[in-house]
Structures are given as C-alpha cells and as structure tokens.
C-alpha cells in the first residue's frame, strides 16, 4: 500500500521560511494529484496547495503568493515551500495523494509547523 511520510516542519519566526517534504512509496506521477492540507488547533482541515498529474497547481487565497507546491517525480517526493510565514500558518501539515485505484485517498502522518510572532 502507498505510504506518505512528511518532514521538514519546525519552529520559525514570522516572516521566515520552511520547506516541507512528502516522500511517497509509490509513483506520484500515476496519481491524479498530490496536495498539502493543514489543520490548526480548533480549526477545520483546509487545503493549502494542490498539484495535478499534469502539473497544474491550485492555492487558496490565504497562502497564494507565499506557498509553492512542487514535485520531484524521479524521487517520488512532493514539496511545499512556505515563505513569509505568519502566526496563523501554525498548524499540522498533511500530505495527501488522490489516486486512480483503491485506496483512492491517502494521508501522511503530519508534520508540525509553528510560527512565532
């Protein structure tokens, strides 16, 4: 079964940057899409970045212009570059795979990002 492992979270001051990594045990190019979600304390999970098999990216207004999703197909790894971080970006960040075969949706274990003011 495909597994996703996130890494790269940590503590950073407001205005700083972090790069998250998501290592997949399967071929990410065979997936419909890969995405990053986050869940802050007391908040619902929200999509922060998505990249389709064809490389089309999508971002919500809350992170647009600050976050960039990218991939290394040969290494089966998806990245989330986060710049100009704000305290409201503090959350657990999860990698997600949208697959064409069952299981159709796979989640990583999450990595904590904390942004201090």
N, C-alpha and C. Protein backbone atom coordinates (compact mmCIF):
# COMPACT_ATOMS: atom_id res chain seq x y z
N UNK A 1 0.85 -1.19 0.00
CA UNK A 1 0.00 0.00 0.00
C UNK A 1 0.89 1.24 0.00
N UNK A 2 0.47 2.27 -0.70
CA UNK A 2 1.20 3.52 -0.78
C UNK A 2 1.23 4.17 0.60
N UNK A 3 2.40 4.68 0.97
CA UNK A 3 2.55 5.43 2.22
C UNK A 3 3.17 6.79 1.93
N UNK A 4 2.76 7.78 2.71
CA UNK A 4 3.27 9.14 2.60
C UNK A 4 3.90 9.53 3.92
N UNK A 5 5.11 10.09 3.87
CA UNK A 5 5.82 10.49 5.07
C UNK A 5 6.24 11.94 4.92
N UNK A 6 5.70 12.82 5.79
CA UNK A 6 6.04 14.24 5.77
C UNK A 6 7.24 14.51 6.67
N UNK A 7 7.98 15.55 6.32
CA UNK A 7 9.09 16.00 7.14
C UNK A 7 9.34 17.47 6.84
N UNK A 8 10.16 18.11 7.67
CA UNK A 8 10.55 19.49 7.43
C UNK A 8 9.87 20.51 8.30
N UNK A 9 8.91 20.10 9.11
CA UNK A 9 8.26 21.04 10.00
C UNK A 9 9.18 21.48 11.11
N UNK A 10 8.76 22.53 11.81
CA UNK A 10 9.57 23.04 12.91
C UNK A 10 9.10 24.39 13.36
N UNK A 11 9.97 25.08 14.09
CA UNK A 11 9.69 26.41 14.62
C UNK A 11 10.35 27.46 13.74
N UNK A 12 9.62 28.52 13.46
CA UNK A 12 10.15 29.61 12.65
C UNK A 12 9.49 30.92 13.08
N UNK A 13 10.23 32.01 12.98
CA UNK A 13 9.67 33.32 13.30
C UNK A 13 8.83 33.84 12.14
N UNK A 14 7.89 34.70 12.46
CA UNK A 14 7.07 35.32 11.42
C UNK A 14 7.97 35.98 10.38
N UNK A 15 7.61 35.78 9.12
CA UNK A 15 8.41 36.28 8.01
C UNK A 15 9.43 35.30 7.50
N UNK A 16 9.64 34.21 8.21
CA UNK A 16 10.60 33.21 7.81
C UNK A 16 10.05 32.21 6.82
N UNK A 17 10.87 31.20 6.51
CA UNK A 17 10.52 30.21 5.51
C UNK A 17 10.79 28.80 6.01
N UNK A 18 10.04 27.85 5.47
CA UNK A 18 10.25 26.43 5.68
C UNK A 18 9.93 25.70 4.39
N UNK A 19 10.57 24.55 4.20
CA UNK A 19 10.21 23.67 3.09
C UNK A 19 9.84 22.32 3.64
N UNK A 20 8.61 21.89 3.39
CA UNK A 20 8.13 20.59 3.79
C UNK A 20 8.34 19.58 2.67
N UNK A 21 8.60 18.34 3.03
CA UNK A 21 8.77 17.26 2.07
C UNK A 21 7.77 16.15 2.34
N UNK A 22 7.31 15.51 1.29
CA UNK A 22 6.42 14.37 1.38
C UNK A 22 6.99 13.26 0.51
N UNK A 23 7.51 12.23 1.13
CA UNK A 23 8.08 11.10 0.41
C UNK A 23 7.03 10.01 0.26
N UNK A 24 6.78 9.60 -0.98
CA UNK A 24 5.78 8.58 -1.28
C UNK A 24 6.45 7.27 -1.64
N UNK A 25 5.82 6.17 -1.24
CA UNK A 25 6.34 4.84 -1.57
C UNK A 25 5.86 4.36 -2.93
N UNK A 26 5.01 5.14 -3.60
CA UNK A 26 4.51 4.82 -4.93
C UNK A 26 4.93 5.85 -5.94
N UNK A 27 4.56 5.62 -7.19
CA UNK A 27 4.88 6.52 -8.29
C UNK A 27 3.90 7.69 -8.27
N UNK A 28 4.35 8.87 -7.87
CA UNK A 28 3.44 10.01 -7.74
C UNK A 28 2.90 10.47 -9.09
N UNK A 29 3.60 10.16 -10.18
CA UNK A 29 3.12 10.56 -11.50
C UNK A 29 1.91 9.74 -11.93
N UNK A 30 1.65 8.60 -11.29
CA UNK A 30 0.48 7.80 -11.60
C UNK A 30 -0.76 8.27 -10.84
N UNK A 31 -0.60 9.23 -9.92
CA UNK A 31 -1.71 9.73 -9.13
C UNK A 31 -2.45 10.84 -9.86
N UNK A 32 -3.74 11.02 -9.54
CA UNK A 32 -4.49 12.15 -10.09
C UNK A 32 -3.88 13.47 -9.64
N UNK A 33 -3.52 13.55 -8.36
CA UNK A 33 -2.99 14.78 -7.80
C UNK A 33 -2.33 14.50 -6.47
N UNK A 34 -1.46 15.42 -6.06
CA UNK A 34 -0.89 15.45 -4.73
C UNK A 34 -1.24 16.79 -4.11
N UNK A 35 -1.39 16.82 -2.80
CA UNK A 35 -1.81 18.04 -2.15
C UNK A 35 -1.25 18.14 -0.74
N UNK A 36 -1.24 19.36 -0.23
CA UNK A 36 -0.93 19.64 1.16
C UNK A 36 -2.16 20.24 1.83
N UNK A 37 -2.49 19.74 3.00
CA UNK A 37 -3.55 20.27 3.85
C UNK A 37 -2.95 20.67 5.18
N UNK A 38 -3.67 21.49 5.94
CA UNK A 38 -3.24 21.82 7.28
C UNK A 38 -4.44 21.89 8.21
N UNK A 39 -4.18 21.63 9.48
CA UNK A 39 -5.21 21.74 10.49
C UNK A 39 -4.63 22.43 11.72
N UNK A 40 -5.16 23.60 12.02
CA UNK A 40 -4.74 24.37 13.18
C UNK A 40 -5.62 24.01 14.37
N UNK A 41 -5.13 24.25 15.60
CA UNK A 41 -5.95 23.96 16.78
C UNK A 41 -7.29 24.67 16.72
N UNK A 42 -8.36 23.92 16.92
CA UNK A 42 -9.70 24.48 16.91
C UNK A 42 -10.24 24.81 15.54
N UNK A 43 -9.51 24.48 14.49
CA UNK A 43 -9.94 24.79 13.13
C UNK A 43 -10.15 23.52 12.32
N UNK A 44 -10.92 23.63 11.25
CA UNK A 44 -11.11 22.52 10.34
C UNK A 44 -9.92 22.39 9.40
N UNK A 45 -9.72 21.19 8.90
CA UNK A 45 -8.67 20.96 7.93
C UNK A 45 -8.93 21.78 6.68
N UNK A 46 -7.88 22.36 6.11
CA UNK A 46 -8.04 23.15 4.90
C UNK A 46 -6.94 22.82 3.89
N UNK A 47 -7.30 22.89 2.63
CA UNK A 47 -6.34 22.71 1.55
C UNK A 47 -5.44 23.93 1.46
N UNK A 48 -4.14 23.71 1.32
CA UNK A 48 -3.20 24.82 1.16
C UNK A 48 -2.49 24.79 -0.19
N UNK A 49 -2.44 23.63 -0.84
CA UNK A 49 -1.79 23.56 -2.15
C UNK A 49 -2.12 22.23 -2.80
N UNK A 50 -2.22 22.23 -4.12
CA UNK A 50 -2.53 21.01 -4.87
C UNK A 50 -1.82 21.06 -6.20
N UNK A 51 -1.31 19.92 -6.64
CA UNK A 51 -0.70 19.82 -7.96
C UNK A 51 -1.24 18.57 -8.64
N UNK A 52 -1.74 18.73 -9.87
CA UNK A 52 -2.31 17.62 -10.62
C UNK A 52 -1.22 16.84 -11.32
N UNK A 53 -1.60 15.71 -11.90
CA UNK A 53 -0.66 14.89 -12.65
C UNK A 53 -0.01 15.68 -13.78
N UNK A 54 -0.74 16.63 -14.36
CA UNK A 54 -0.21 17.45 -15.44
C UNK A 54 0.58 18.65 -14.96
N UNK A 55 0.67 18.84 -13.65
CA UNK A 55 1.45 19.92 -13.10
C UNK A 55 0.69 21.21 -12.84
N UNK A 56 -0.62 21.19 -12.95
CA UNK A 56 -1.42 22.37 -12.65
C UNK A 56 -1.54 22.53 -11.14
N UNK A 57 -1.29 23.73 -10.66
CA UNK A 57 -1.30 24.00 -9.22
C UNK A 57 -2.48 24.87 -8.83
N UNK A 58 -2.92 24.71 -7.58
CA UNK A 58 -4.02 25.49 -7.02
C UNK A 58 -3.69 25.85 -5.58
N UNK A 59 -4.05 27.08 -5.19
CA UNK A 59 -3.82 27.58 -3.85
C UNK A 59 -5.01 28.39 -3.38
N UNK A 60 -5.34 28.32 -2.11
CA UNK A 60 -6.37 29.23 -1.58
C UNK A 60 -5.79 30.62 -1.40
N UNK A 61 -6.66 31.60 -1.28
CA UNK A 61 -6.21 32.98 -1.13
C UNK A 61 -5.33 33.18 0.11
N UNK A 62 -5.54 32.38 1.14
CA UNK A 62 -4.81 32.55 2.38
C UNK A 62 -3.30 32.33 2.23
N UNK A 63 -2.89 31.55 1.23
CA UNK A 63 -1.47 31.26 1.05
C UNK A 63 -0.96 31.66 -0.32
N UNK A 64 -1.83 32.10 -1.20
CA UNK A 64 -1.45 32.44 -2.56
C UNK A 64 -0.35 33.50 -2.56
N UNK A 65 0.69 33.25 -3.33
CA UNK A 65 1.82 34.16 -3.40
C UNK A 65 2.88 33.90 -2.36
N UNK A 66 2.58 33.07 -1.36
CA UNK A 66 3.54 32.76 -0.31
C UNK A 66 4.00 31.30 -0.33
N UNK A 67 3.09 30.39 -0.69
CA UNK A 67 3.38 28.96 -0.71
C UNK A 67 3.50 28.47 -2.14
N UNK A 68 4.39 27.50 -2.36
CA UNK A 68 4.57 26.89 -3.67
C UNK A 68 4.69 25.38 -3.52
N UNK A 69 3.85 24.64 -4.24
CA UNK A 69 3.95 23.19 -4.25
C UNK A 69 4.76 22.77 -5.48
N UNK A 70 5.61 21.78 -5.31
CA UNK A 70 6.42 21.28 -6.41
C UNK A 70 6.64 19.79 -6.22
N UNK A 71 7.23 19.15 -7.21
CA UNK A 71 7.43 17.70 -7.12
C UNK A 71 8.71 17.29 -7.82
N UNK A 72 9.27 16.19 -7.35
CA UNK A 72 10.40 15.53 -7.99
C UNK A 72 9.89 14.13 -8.32
N UNK A 73 9.47 13.92 -9.57
CA UNK A 73 8.84 12.66 -9.95
C UNK A 73 9.81 11.50 -9.80
N UNK A 74 11.07 11.70 -10.18
CA UNK A 74 12.05 10.63 -10.08
C UNK A 74 12.25 10.16 -8.64
N UNK A 75 12.13 11.09 -7.68
CA UNK A 75 12.31 10.77 -6.28
C UNK A 75 10.99 10.49 -5.56
N UNK A 76 9.88 10.55 -6.28
CA UNK A 76 8.55 10.34 -5.68
C UNK A 76 8.35 11.21 -4.45
N UNK A 77 8.68 12.48 -4.59
CA UNK A 77 8.61 13.41 -3.48
C UNK A 77 7.90 14.69 -3.90
N UNK A 78 7.03 15.19 -3.02
CA UNK A 78 6.34 16.45 -3.21
C UNK A 78 6.80 17.41 -2.13
N UNK A 79 6.97 18.67 -2.51
CA UNK A 79 7.46 19.69 -1.58
C UNK A 79 6.44 20.81 -1.42
N UNK A 80 6.52 21.47 -0.29
CA UNK A 80 5.76 22.69 -0.06
C UNK A 80 6.73 23.74 0.47
N UNK A 81 7.05 24.71 -0.37
CA UNK A 81 7.89 25.83 0.04
C UNK A 81 7.00 26.91 0.62
N UNK A 82 7.26 27.28 1.86
CA UNK A 82 6.45 28.26 2.57
C UNK A 82 7.31 29.47 2.90
N UNK A 83 6.96 30.61 2.34
CA UNK A 83 7.67 31.86 2.57
C UNK A 83 6.76 32.86 3.26
N UNK A 84 7.37 33.90 3.83
CA UNK A 84 6.62 34.96 4.50
C UNK A 84 5.61 34.38 5.48
N UNK A 85 6.06 33.46 6.30
CA UNK A 85 5.17 32.76 7.21
C UNK A 85 4.57 33.70 8.25
N UNK A 86 3.33 33.43 8.60
CA UNK A 86 2.58 34.20 9.57
C UNK A 86 2.18 33.31 10.73
N UNK A 87 1.93 33.89 11.91
CA UNK A 87 1.49 33.06 13.03
C UNK A 87 0.25 32.23 12.71
N UNK A 88 -0.64 32.74 11.88
CA UNK A 88 -1.84 32.00 11.52
C UNK A 88 -1.56 30.80 10.62
N UNK A 89 -0.33 30.65 10.15
CA UNK A 89 0.06 29.46 9.41
C UNK A 89 0.38 28.28 10.33
N UNK A 90 0.44 28.52 11.62
CA UNK A 90 0.72 27.46 12.58
C UNK A 90 -0.33 26.37 12.49
N UNK A 91 0.12 25.13 12.26
CA UNK A 91 -0.80 24.01 12.08
C UNK A 91 0.01 22.73 11.90
N UNK A 92 -0.69 21.61 11.93
CA UNK A 92 -0.11 20.36 11.47
C UNK A 92 -0.38 20.27 9.97
N UNK A 93 0.66 20.03 9.20
CA UNK A 93 0.55 19.97 7.75
C UNK A 93 0.60 18.52 7.30
N UNK A 94 -0.37 18.14 6.45
CA UNK A 94 -0.52 16.77 5.99
C UNK A 94 -0.37 16.67 4.48
N UNK A 95 0.34 15.66 4.03
CA UNK A 95 0.43 15.34 2.62
C UNK A 95 -0.73 14.43 2.23
N UNK A 96 -1.25 14.60 1.02
CA UNK A 96 -2.38 13.83 0.55
C UNK A 96 -2.16 13.39 -0.89
N UNK A 97 -2.55 12.15 -1.18
CA UNK A 97 -2.48 11.61 -2.54
C UNK A 97 -3.87 11.24 -3.01
N UNK A 98 -4.25 11.75 -4.19
CA UNK A 98 -5.50 11.42 -4.85
C UNK A 98 -5.15 10.40 -5.93
N UNK A 99 -5.58 9.15 -5.74
CA UNK A 99 -5.17 8.06 -6.61
C UNK A 99 -6.28 7.61 -7.55
N UNK A 100 -5.89 6.89 -8.61
CA UNK A 100 -6.85 6.38 -9.58
C UNK A 100 -7.32 4.98 -9.24
N UNK A 101 -6.67 4.31 -8.30
CA UNK A 101 -7.07 2.99 -7.83
C UNK A 101 -7.22 3.02 -6.32
N UNK A 102 -7.94 2.04 -5.78
CA UNK A 102 -8.17 1.96 -4.35
C UNK A 102 -6.90 1.58 -3.61
N UNK A 103 -6.61 2.18 -2.44
CA UNK A 103 -7.36 3.27 -1.81
C UNK A 103 -7.18 4.58 -2.58
N UNK A 104 -8.28 5.30 -2.78
CA UNK A 104 -8.30 6.47 -3.64
C UNK A 104 -7.77 7.72 -2.98
N UNK A 105 -7.65 7.72 -1.67
CA UNK A 105 -7.19 8.90 -0.95
C UNK A 105 -6.30 8.45 0.20
N UNK A 106 -5.06 8.94 0.23
CA UNK A 106 -4.09 8.52 1.22
C UNK A 106 -3.53 9.75 1.93
N UNK A 107 -3.32 9.64 3.23
CA UNK A 107 -2.81 10.73 4.05
C UNK A 107 -1.51 10.34 4.74
N UNK A 108 -0.63 11.31 4.90
CA UNK A 108 0.56 11.13 5.70
C UNK A 108 0.25 11.36 7.16
N UNK A 109 1.27 11.23 8.01
CA UNK A 109 1.07 11.34 9.45
C UNK A 109 1.06 12.77 9.95
N UNK A 110 1.53 13.70 9.15
CA UNK A 110 1.55 15.10 9.51
C UNK A 110 2.87 15.56 10.08
N UNK A 111 3.17 16.85 9.89
CA UNK A 111 4.35 17.47 10.47
C UNK A 111 3.96 18.84 11.01
N UNK A 112 4.42 19.15 12.22
CA UNK A 112 4.02 20.38 12.90
C UNK A 112 4.82 21.58 12.40
N UNK A 113 4.11 22.64 12.08
CA UNK A 113 4.72 23.93 11.75
C UNK A 113 4.24 24.95 12.76
N UNK A 114 5.17 25.61 13.44
CA UNK A 114 4.82 26.63 14.42
C UNK A 114 5.52 27.93 14.05
N UNK A 115 4.75 28.99 13.90
CA UNK A 115 5.27 30.30 13.52
C UNK A 115 5.05 31.25 14.69
N UNK A 116 6.13 31.79 15.22
CA UNK A 116 6.05 32.71 16.34
C UNK A 116 5.95 34.14 15.86
N UNK A 117 5.30 34.98 16.64
CA UNK A 117 5.12 36.38 16.28
C UNK A 117 6.27 37.23 16.76
